[in-house]
Amino acid sequence: METLWQLEANIDDMNPQNMEYVFSRILDKGANDVWAMPMMMKKGRMASMLCVLCRRELLDDMMEIIVKETTSIGVRFFPVSRMACDRVITTVCIDGRELHCKVCRYGGQIVNISAEYDDCRKAAEATGIPLKEWQRKVKEAAYRQFTE
């Protein structure tokens, strides 16, 4: 278990296209995660709640990005406890191509294998084999690599 900090800011009058830029700035500064959720504010205004998860030492940086890059005029923040599975990034070789994936464990058992989207997309584009087929192959190869 670890303690991280969650920041929240309600944004109701900003072009939603700008959120991608804000997300990039936040992640580039070292946040663990960033997301937005649709919401309705007073007077029926549709809005987004921008949420950031980060280490305590990044709080000031995150708040600065939020108030400078969005139309929010305030930020809530509070500590949150988090459990994170053990994980490792590995490479598998399929049909002469190196593809990456993340293997996650909990209690010593594999609980999830996630194929790297960009690698699978490139393989699908180059070969004409469907993206989901590449994702399946990567997961199977990684599973074999960690269980044999």
N, C-alpha and C. Protein backbone atom coordinates (compact mmCIF):
# COMPACT_ATOMS: atom_id res chain seq x y z
N MET A 1 0.84 -1.18 0.00
CA MET A 1 0.00 0.00 0.00
C MET A 1 0.88 1.24 0.00
N GLU A 2 0.41 2.24 -0.68
CA GLU A 2 1.11 3.52 -0.68
C GLU A 2 0.09 4.63 -0.62
N THR A 3 0.53 5.81 -0.22
CA THR A 3 -0.33 6.97 -0.18
C THR A 3 0.04 7.90 -1.32
N LEU A 4 -0.94 8.23 -2.13
CA LEU A 4 -0.78 9.21 -3.19
C LEU A 4 -1.77 10.34 -2.92
N TRP A 5 -1.76 11.35 -3.77
CA TRP A 5 -2.67 12.48 -3.62
C TRP A 5 -3.54 12.58 -4.85
N GLN A 6 -4.82 12.83 -4.62
CA GLN A 6 -5.75 13.04 -5.72
C GLN A 6 -6.15 14.51 -5.76
N LEU A 7 -6.04 15.09 -6.93
CA LEU A 7 -6.48 16.47 -7.15
C LEU A 7 -7.71 16.44 -8.03
N GLU A 8 -8.64 17.36 -7.79
CA GLU A 8 -9.85 17.45 -8.59
C GLU A 8 -10.14 18.91 -8.89
N ALA A 9 -10.57 19.16 -10.12
CA ALA A 9 -10.95 20.51 -10.53
C ALA A 9 -12.15 20.41 -11.46
N ASN A 10 -13.18 21.19 -11.19
CA ASN A 10 -14.36 21.23 -12.04
C ASN A 10 -14.12 22.25 -13.16
N ILE A 11 -14.38 21.82 -14.39
CA ILE A 11 -14.12 22.69 -15.55
C ILE A 11 -15.39 22.71 -16.40
N ASP A 12 -15.99 23.91 -16.53
CA ASP A 12 -17.25 23.99 -17.26
C ASP A 12 -17.24 24.97 -18.42
N ASP A 13 -16.17 25.65 -18.65
CA ASP A 13 -16.19 26.66 -19.72
C ASP A 13 -14.89 26.66 -20.53
N MET A 14 -14.40 25.47 -20.84
CA MET A 14 -13.17 25.33 -21.60
C MET A 14 -13.42 24.42 -22.79
N ASN A 15 -12.77 24.70 -23.89
CA ASN A 15 -12.88 23.84 -25.07
C ASN A 15 -12.36 22.44 -24.69
N PRO A 16 -13.19 21.41 -24.83
CA PRO A 16 -12.77 20.06 -24.45
C PRO A 16 -11.54 19.56 -25.21
N GLN A 17 -11.29 20.09 -26.41
CA GLN A 17 -10.10 19.67 -27.16
C GLN A 17 -8.82 20.00 -26.40
N ASN A 18 -8.86 21.03 -25.57
CA ASN A 18 -7.67 21.44 -24.82
C ASN A 18 -7.29 20.44 -23.74
N MET A 19 -8.21 19.56 -23.37
CA MET A 19 -7.92 18.59 -22.31
C MET A 19 -6.77 17.67 -22.68
N GLU A 20 -6.65 17.30 -23.94
CA GLU A 20 -5.54 16.42 -24.34
C GLU A 20 -4.21 17.07 -24.01
N TYR A 21 -4.08 18.36 -24.28
CA TYR A 21 -2.84 19.10 -23.98
C TYR A 21 -2.60 19.12 -22.46
N VAL A 22 -3.65 19.39 -21.70
CA VAL A 22 -3.53 19.42 -20.24
C VAL A 22 -3.10 18.05 -19.73
N PHE A 23 -3.73 16.98 -20.23
CA PHE A 23 -3.34 15.62 -19.83
C PHE A 23 -1.85 15.39 -20.10
N SER A 24 -1.39 15.77 -21.28
CA SER A 24 0.02 15.57 -21.65
C SER A 24 0.94 16.31 -20.71
N ARG A 25 0.63 17.56 -20.40
CA ARG A 25 1.47 18.36 -19.48
C ARG A 25 1.54 17.69 -18.11
N ILE A 26 0.39 17.23 -17.62
CA ILE A 26 0.32 16.61 -16.30
C ILE A 26 1.13 15.31 -16.26
N LEU A 27 0.97 14.47 -17.27
CA LEU A 27 1.72 13.22 -17.30
C LEU A 27 3.21 13.46 -17.49
N ASP A 28 3.57 14.44 -18.33
CA ASP A 28 4.98 14.76 -18.54
C ASP A 28 5.65 15.25 -17.26
N LYS A 29 4.89 15.85 -16.35
CA LYS A 29 5.44 16.35 -15.07
C LYS A 29 5.58 15.24 -14.03
N GLY A 30 5.06 14.01 -14.36
CA GLY A 30 5.29 12.89 -13.46
C GLY A 30 4.08 12.35 -12.72
N ALA A 31 2.88 12.80 -13.07
CA ALA A 31 1.69 12.26 -12.41
C ALA A 31 1.56 10.76 -12.67
N ASN A 32 1.00 10.06 -11.72
CA ASN A 32 0.76 8.62 -11.89
C ASN A 32 -0.39 8.37 -12.87
N ASP A 33 -1.40 9.24 -12.83
CA ASP A 33 -2.56 9.06 -13.71
C ASP A 33 -3.32 10.38 -13.80
N VAL A 34 -4.08 10.51 -14.86
CA VAL A 34 -4.96 11.67 -15.04
C VAL A 34 -6.20 11.19 -15.80
N TRP A 35 -7.36 11.72 -15.43
CA TRP A 35 -8.60 11.35 -16.12
C TRP A 35 -9.59 12.48 -15.96
N ALA A 36 -10.65 12.42 -16.74
CA ALA A 36 -11.74 13.39 -16.64
C ALA A 36 -13.06 12.65 -16.67
N MET A 37 -14.01 13.17 -15.89
CA MET A 37 -15.34 12.56 -15.82
C MET A 37 -16.38 13.62 -16.15
N PRO A 38 -17.37 13.25 -16.98
CA PRO A 38 -18.43 14.21 -17.26
C PRO A 38 -19.29 14.43 -16.01
N MET A 39 -19.80 15.65 -15.88
CA MET A 39 -20.65 15.97 -14.73
C MET A 39 -21.57 17.13 -15.08
N MET A 40 -22.58 17.34 -14.25
CA MET A 40 -23.46 18.48 -14.44
C MET A 40 -23.29 19.40 -13.23
N MET A 41 -23.11 20.68 -13.53
CA MET A 41 -22.93 21.66 -12.46
C MET A 41 -24.22 22.46 -12.29
N LYS A 42 -24.16 23.47 -11.41
CA LYS A 42 -25.35 24.28 -11.16
C LYS A 42 -25.87 24.90 -12.46
N LYS A 43 -27.13 25.17 -12.47
CA LYS A 43 -27.83 25.74 -13.63
C LYS A 43 -27.78 24.82 -14.85
N GLY A 44 -27.54 23.51 -14.61
CA GLY A 44 -27.57 22.53 -15.68
C GLY A 44 -26.41 22.59 -16.65
N ARG A 45 -25.30 23.23 -16.26
CA ARG A 45 -24.14 23.33 -17.15
C ARG A 45 -23.37 22.02 -17.16
N MET A 46 -23.14 21.49 -18.36
CA MET A 46 -22.31 20.29 -18.50
C MET A 46 -20.86 20.69 -18.26
N ALA A 47 -20.13 19.81 -17.61
CA ALA A 47 -18.75 20.11 -17.25
C ALA A 47 -17.95 18.82 -17.19
N SER A 48 -16.68 18.97 -16.88
CA SER A 48 -15.79 17.83 -16.65
C SER A 48 -15.11 18.02 -15.31
N MET A 49 -14.93 16.91 -14.61
CA MET A 49 -14.08 16.95 -13.42
C MET A 49 -12.73 16.36 -13.81
N LEU A 50 -11.71 17.20 -13.77
CA LEU A 50 -10.35 16.77 -14.05
C LEU A 50 -9.79 16.18 -12.77
N CYS A 51 -9.24 14.97 -12.85
CA CYS A 51 -8.68 14.28 -11.68
C CYS A 51 -7.24 13.88 -11.98
N VAL A 52 -6.40 14.06 -10.99
CA VAL A 52 -4.98 13.74 -11.12
C VAL A 52 -4.56 12.93 -9.90
N LEU A 53 -3.74 11.92 -10.12
CA LEU A 53 -3.18 11.11 -9.05
C LEU A 53 -1.66 11.30 -9.10
N CYS A 54 -1.06 11.71 -7.96
CA CYS A 54 0.38 11.98 -7.97
C CYS A 54 0.98 11.82 -6.58
N ARG A 55 2.31 11.86 -6.55
CA ARG A 55 3.03 11.86 -5.27
C ARG A 55 2.94 13.25 -4.63
N ARG A 56 3.06 13.29 -3.32
CA ARG A 56 2.91 14.54 -2.56
C ARG A 56 3.82 15.65 -3.09
N GLU A 57 5.05 15.31 -3.43
CA GLU A 57 6.00 16.34 -3.85
C GLU A 57 5.62 17.00 -5.18
N LEU A 58 4.66 16.44 -5.89
CA LEU A 58 4.23 17.01 -7.17
C LEU A 58 2.97 17.86 -7.06
N LEU A 59 2.41 17.99 -5.86
CA LEU A 59 1.16 18.72 -5.69
C LEU A 59 1.22 20.13 -6.27
N ASP A 60 2.24 20.89 -5.91
CA ASP A 60 2.33 22.28 -6.39
C ASP A 60 2.44 22.35 -7.91
N ASP A 61 3.25 21.47 -8.49
CA ASP A 61 3.38 21.45 -9.96
C ASP A 61 2.04 21.15 -10.63
N MET A 62 1.31 20.18 -10.07
CA MET A 62 0.02 19.80 -10.66
C MET A 62 -0.98 20.93 -10.54
N MET A 63 -1.04 21.57 -9.37
CA MET A 63 -1.97 22.69 -9.19
C MET A 63 -1.64 23.83 -10.15
N GLU A 64 -0.35 24.10 -10.33
CA GLU A 64 0.04 25.17 -11.24
C GLU A 64 -0.42 24.87 -12.67
N ILE A 65 -0.22 23.65 -13.13
CA ILE A 65 -0.66 23.28 -14.48
C ILE A 65 -2.18 23.45 -14.59
N ILE A 66 -2.91 22.96 -13.60
CA ILE A 66 -4.37 23.01 -13.66
C ILE A 66 -4.87 24.45 -13.73
N VAL A 67 -4.37 25.33 -12.87
CA VAL A 67 -4.91 26.70 -12.88
C VAL A 67 -4.40 27.53 -14.05
N LYS A 68 -3.21 27.21 -14.56
CA LYS A 68 -2.69 27.97 -15.70
C LYS A 68 -3.22 27.46 -17.04
N GLU A 69 -3.46 26.16 -17.16
CA GLU A 69 -3.82 25.58 -18.46
C GLU A 69 -5.31 25.29 -18.63
N THR A 70 -6.08 25.44 -17.55
CA THR A 70 -7.53 25.22 -17.67
C THR A 70 -8.24 26.49 -17.22
N THR A 71 -9.56 26.45 -17.26
CA THR A 71 -10.34 27.59 -16.79
C THR A 71 -10.79 27.42 -15.34
N SER A 72 -10.28 26.40 -14.66
CA SER A 72 -10.64 26.17 -13.26
C SER A 72 -10.03 27.26 -12.38
N ILE A 73 -10.78 27.65 -11.35
CA ILE A 73 -10.28 28.68 -10.43
C ILE A 73 -9.98 28.10 -9.05
N GLY A 74 -9.97 26.76 -8.95
CA GLY A 74 -9.66 26.13 -7.68
C GLY A 74 -9.41 24.64 -7.86
N VAL A 75 -8.70 24.07 -6.91
CA VAL A 75 -8.35 22.65 -6.95
C VAL A 75 -8.55 22.05 -5.57
N ARG A 76 -9.26 20.93 -5.52
CA ARG A 76 -9.37 20.15 -4.29
C ARG A 76 -8.27 19.10 -4.31
N PHE A 77 -7.75 18.75 -3.14
CA PHE A 77 -6.75 17.67 -3.10
C PHE A 77 -6.82 16.98 -1.75
N PHE A 78 -6.53 15.67 -1.78
CA PHE A 78 -6.63 14.86 -0.58
C PHE A 78 -5.81 13.59 -0.77
N PRO A 79 -5.34 13.01 0.34
CA PRO A 79 -4.56 11.77 0.24
C PRO A 79 -5.48 10.58 -0.05
N VAL A 80 -4.96 9.64 -0.80
CA VAL A 80 -5.68 8.40 -1.09
C VAL A 80 -4.71 7.24 -0.93
N SER A 81 -5.21 6.12 -0.46
CA SER A 81 -4.40 4.90 -0.35
C SER A 81 -4.56 4.12 -1.64
N ARG A 82 -3.48 3.50 -2.05
CA ARG A 82 -3.52 2.73 -3.30
C ARG A 82 -2.76 1.42 -3.13
N MET A 83 -3.36 0.37 -3.67
CA MET A 83 -2.69 -0.91 -3.81
C MET A 83 -2.41 -1.06 -5.30
N ALA A 84 -1.20 -1.38 -5.64
CA ALA A 84 -0.85 -1.59 -7.05
C ALA A 84 -0.23 -2.98 -7.20
N CYS A 85 -0.68 -3.68 -8.21
CA CYS A 85 -0.12 -5.00 -8.50
C CYS A 85 1.36 -4.86 -8.89
N ASP A 86 2.13 -5.91 -8.60
CA ASP A 86 3.49 -5.98 -9.11
C ASP A 86 3.39 -6.08 -10.62
N ARG A 87 4.27 -5.40 -11.32
CA ARG A 87 4.20 -5.46 -12.79
C ARG A 87 5.58 -5.36 -13.39
N VAL A 88 5.68 -5.95 -14.59
CA VAL A 88 6.92 -5.92 -15.33
C VAL A 88 6.58 -5.73 -16.80
N ILE A 89 7.38 -4.91 -17.47
CA ILE A 89 7.24 -4.74 -18.91
C ILE A 89 8.21 -5.74 -19.55
N THR A 90 7.71 -6.51 -20.48
CA THR A 90 8.53 -7.52 -21.13
C THR A 90 8.36 -7.44 -22.64
N THR A 91 9.25 -8.09 -23.35
CA THR A 91 9.20 -8.14 -24.81
C THR A 91 9.01 -9.58 -25.24
N VAL A 92 8.12 -9.79 -26.20
CA VAL A 92 7.94 -11.10 -26.80
C VAL A 92 8.23 -10.98 -28.29
N CYS A 93 8.68 -12.06 -28.88
CA CYS A 93 8.98 -12.07 -30.31
C CYS A 93 7.95 -12.96 -31.00
N ILE A 94 7.23 -12.36 -31.95
CA ILE A 94 6.20 -13.07 -32.69
C ILE A 94 6.43 -12.80 -34.18
N ASP A 95 6.59 -13.86 -34.94
CA ASP A 95 6.81 -13.75 -36.39
C ASP A 95 7.92 -12.74 -36.72
N GLY A 96 8.99 -12.78 -35.92
CA GLY A 96 10.13 -11.91 -36.15
C GLY A 96 9.95 -10.47 -35.68
N ARG A 97 8.85 -10.17 -35.04
CA ARG A 97 8.59 -8.82 -34.54
C ARG A 97 8.69 -8.81 -33.02
N GLU A 98 9.32 -7.75 -32.49
CA GLU A 98 9.39 -7.58 -31.04
C GLU A 98 8.23 -6.70 -30.60
N LEU A 99 7.43 -7.23 -29.68
CA LEU A 99 6.28 -6.50 -29.17
C LEU A 99 6.35 -6.47 -27.64
N HIS A 100 5.93 -5.38 -27.05
CA HIS A 100 5.98 -5.21 -25.60
C HIS A 100 4.63 -5.48 -24.97
N CYS A 101 4.69 -5.87 -23.69
CA CYS A 101 3.46 -6.05 -22.93
C CYS A 101 3.77 -5.88 -21.44
N LYS A 102 2.72 -5.66 -20.69
CA LYS A 102 2.83 -5.51 -19.24
C LYS A 102 2.20 -6.74 -18.60
N VAL A 103 2.96 -7.39 -17.73
CA VAL A 103 2.48 -8.56 -17.00
C VAL A 103 2.30 -8.14 -15.54
N CYS A 104 1.07 -8.30 -15.01
CA CYS A 104 0.76 -7.89 -13.64
C CYS A 104 0.49 -9.10 -12.78
N ARG A 105 1.02 -9.04 -11.54
CA ARG A 105 0.84 -10.13 -10.59
C ARG A 105 0.25 -9.61 -9.29
N TYR A 106 -0.54 -10.47 -8.68
CA TYR A 106 -1.06 -10.19 -7.35
C TYR A 106 -0.94 -11.49 -6.57
N GLY A 107 -0.30 -11.43 -5.43
CA GLY A 107 -0.10 -12.65 -4.64
C GLY A 107 0.72 -13.70 -5.37
N GLY A 108 1.62 -13.25 -6.24
CA GLY A 108 2.47 -14.17 -6.97
C GLY A 108 1.84 -14.79 -8.21
N GLN A 109 0.56 -14.50 -8.46
CA GLN A 109 -0.12 -15.07 -9.62
C GLN A 109 -0.36 -13.99 -10.68
N ILE A 110 -0.25 -14.38 -11.93
CA ILE A 110 -0.55 -13.46 -13.03
C ILE A 110 -2.05 -13.16 -13.01
N VAL A 111 -2.39 -11.88 -12.96
CA VAL A 111 -3.80 -11.48 -12.95
C VAL A 111 -4.18 -10.69 -14.20
N ASN A 112 -3.17 -10.20 -14.93
CA ASN A 112 -3.47 -9.45 -16.15
C ASN A 112 -2.23 -9.37 -17.03
N ILE A 113 -2.47 -9.47 -18.32
CA ILE A 113 -1.42 -9.24 -19.31
C ILE A 113 -2.00 -8.26 -20.32
N SER A 114 -1.28 -7.17 -20.52
CA SER A 114 -1.77 -6.13 -21.42
C SER A 114 -0.75 -5.91 -22.53
N ALA A 115 -1.17 -6.16 -23.77
CA ALA A 115 -0.28 -5.96 -24.92
C ALA A 115 -0.14 -4.47 -25.20
N GLU A 116 1.06 -4.03 -25.55
CA GLU A 116 1.30 -2.62 -25.89
C GLU A 116 0.55 -2.28 -27.17
N TYR A 117 -0.39 -1.38 -27.06
CA TYR A 117 -1.26 -1.03 -28.19
C TYR A 117 -0.47 -0.57 -29.41
N ASP A 118 0.46 0.35 -29.24
CA ASP A 118 1.19 0.90 -30.39
C ASP A 118 1.96 -0.18 -31.14
N ASP A 119 2.59 -1.11 -30.42
CA ASP A 119 3.31 -2.20 -31.07
C ASP A 119 2.36 -3.08 -31.88
N CYS A 120 1.23 -3.42 -31.28
CA CYS A 120 0.25 -4.28 -31.97
C CYS A 120 -0.36 -3.56 -33.17
N ARG A 121 -0.59 -2.29 -33.03
CA ARG A 121 -1.15 -1.51 -34.14
C ARG A 121 -0.18 -1.51 -35.32
N LYS A 122 1.09 -1.25 -35.05
CA LYS A 122 2.09 -1.25 -36.13
C LYS A 122 2.16 -2.62 -36.82
N ALA A 123 2.12 -3.68 -36.04
CA ALA A 123 2.16 -5.03 -36.61
C ALA A 123 0.92 -5.29 -37.46
N ALA A 124 -0.23 -4.85 -36.99
CA ALA A 124 -1.47 -5.04 -37.74
C ALA A 124 -1.44 -4.26 -39.06
N GLU A 125 -0.96 -3.04 -39.01
CA GLU A 125 -0.88 -2.22 -40.22
C GLU A 125 0.09 -2.82 -41.23
N ALA A 126 1.20 -3.35 -40.73
CA ALA A 126 2.23 -3.89 -41.62
C ALA A 126 1.84 -5.23 -42.23
N THR A 127 1.02 -6.01 -41.52
CA THR A 127 0.73 -7.38 -41.98
C THR A 127 -0.68 -7.58 -42.49
N GLY A 128 -1.60 -6.71 -42.13
CA GLY A 128 -2.99 -6.92 -42.49
C GLY A 128 -3.72 -7.88 -41.55
N ILE A 129 -3.00 -8.42 -40.58
CA ILE A 129 -3.61 -9.28 -39.56
C ILE A 129 -4.30 -8.36 -38.55
N PRO A 130 -5.55 -8.66 -38.17
CA PRO A 130 -6.29 -7.77 -37.28
C PRO A 130 -5.56 -7.45 -35.98
N LEU A 131 -5.75 -6.23 -35.52
CA LEU A 131 -5.16 -5.75 -34.28
C LEU A 131 -5.46 -6.70 -33.12
N LYS A 132 -6.71 -7.11 -32.98
CA LYS A 132 -7.07 -7.98 -31.85
C LYS A 132 -6.36 -9.33 -31.91
N GLU A 133 -5.99 -9.78 -33.11
CA GLU A 133 -5.25 -11.03 -33.24
C GLU A 133 -3.82 -10.84 -32.71
N TRP A 134 -3.21 -9.70 -33.04
CA TRP A 134 -1.87 -9.41 -32.51
C TRP A 134 -1.91 -9.31 -30.99
N GLN A 135 -2.93 -8.66 -30.46
CA GLN A 135 -3.05 -8.53 -29.01
C GLN A 135 -3.18 -9.90 -28.36
N ARG A 136 -3.96 -10.79 -28.96
CA ARG A 136 -4.11 -12.14 -28.43
C ARG A 136 -2.78 -12.89 -28.46
N LYS A 137 -2.06 -12.80 -29.60
CA LYS A 137 -0.78 -13.49 -29.72
C LYS A 137 0.22 -13.01 -28.67
N VAL A 138 0.26 -11.71 -28.45
CA VAL A 138 1.20 -11.15 -27.47
C VAL A 138 0.87 -11.68 -26.07
N LYS A 139 -0.40 -11.65 -25.71
CA LYS A 139 -0.80 -12.13 -24.38
C LYS A 139 -0.45 -13.60 -24.19
N GLU A 140 -0.72 -14.42 -25.21
CA GLU A 140 -0.40 -15.84 -25.11
C GLU A 140 1.10 -16.07 -24.99
N ALA A 141 1.89 -15.34 -25.78
CA ALA A 141 3.35 -15.51 -25.73
C ALA A 141 3.90 -15.08 -24.38
N ALA A 142 3.39 -13.99 -23.84
CA ALA A 142 3.86 -13.51 -22.54
C ALA A 142 3.47 -14.49 -21.44
N TYR A 143 2.27 -15.03 -21.52
CA TYR A 143 1.83 -16.00 -20.52
C TYR A 143 2.76 -17.22 -20.52
N ARG A 144 3.06 -17.72 -21.73
CA ARG A 144 3.97 -18.86 -21.82
C ARG A 144 5.34 -18.51 -21.24
N GLN A 145 5.83 -17.31 -21.56
CA GLN A 145 7.14 -16.87 -21.10
C GLN A 145 7.22 -16.86 -19.56
N PHE A 146 6.13 -16.53 -18.90
CA PHE A 146 6.15 -16.41 -17.45
C PHE A 146 5.66 -17.63 -16.71
N THR A 147 5.17 -18.64 -17.42
CA THR A 147 4.64 -19.81 -16.73
C THR A 147 5.40 -21.09 -17.08
N GLU A 148 6.28 -21.06 -18.05
CA GLU A 148 7.02 -22.27 -18.42
C GLU A 148 8.39 -22.28 -17.80
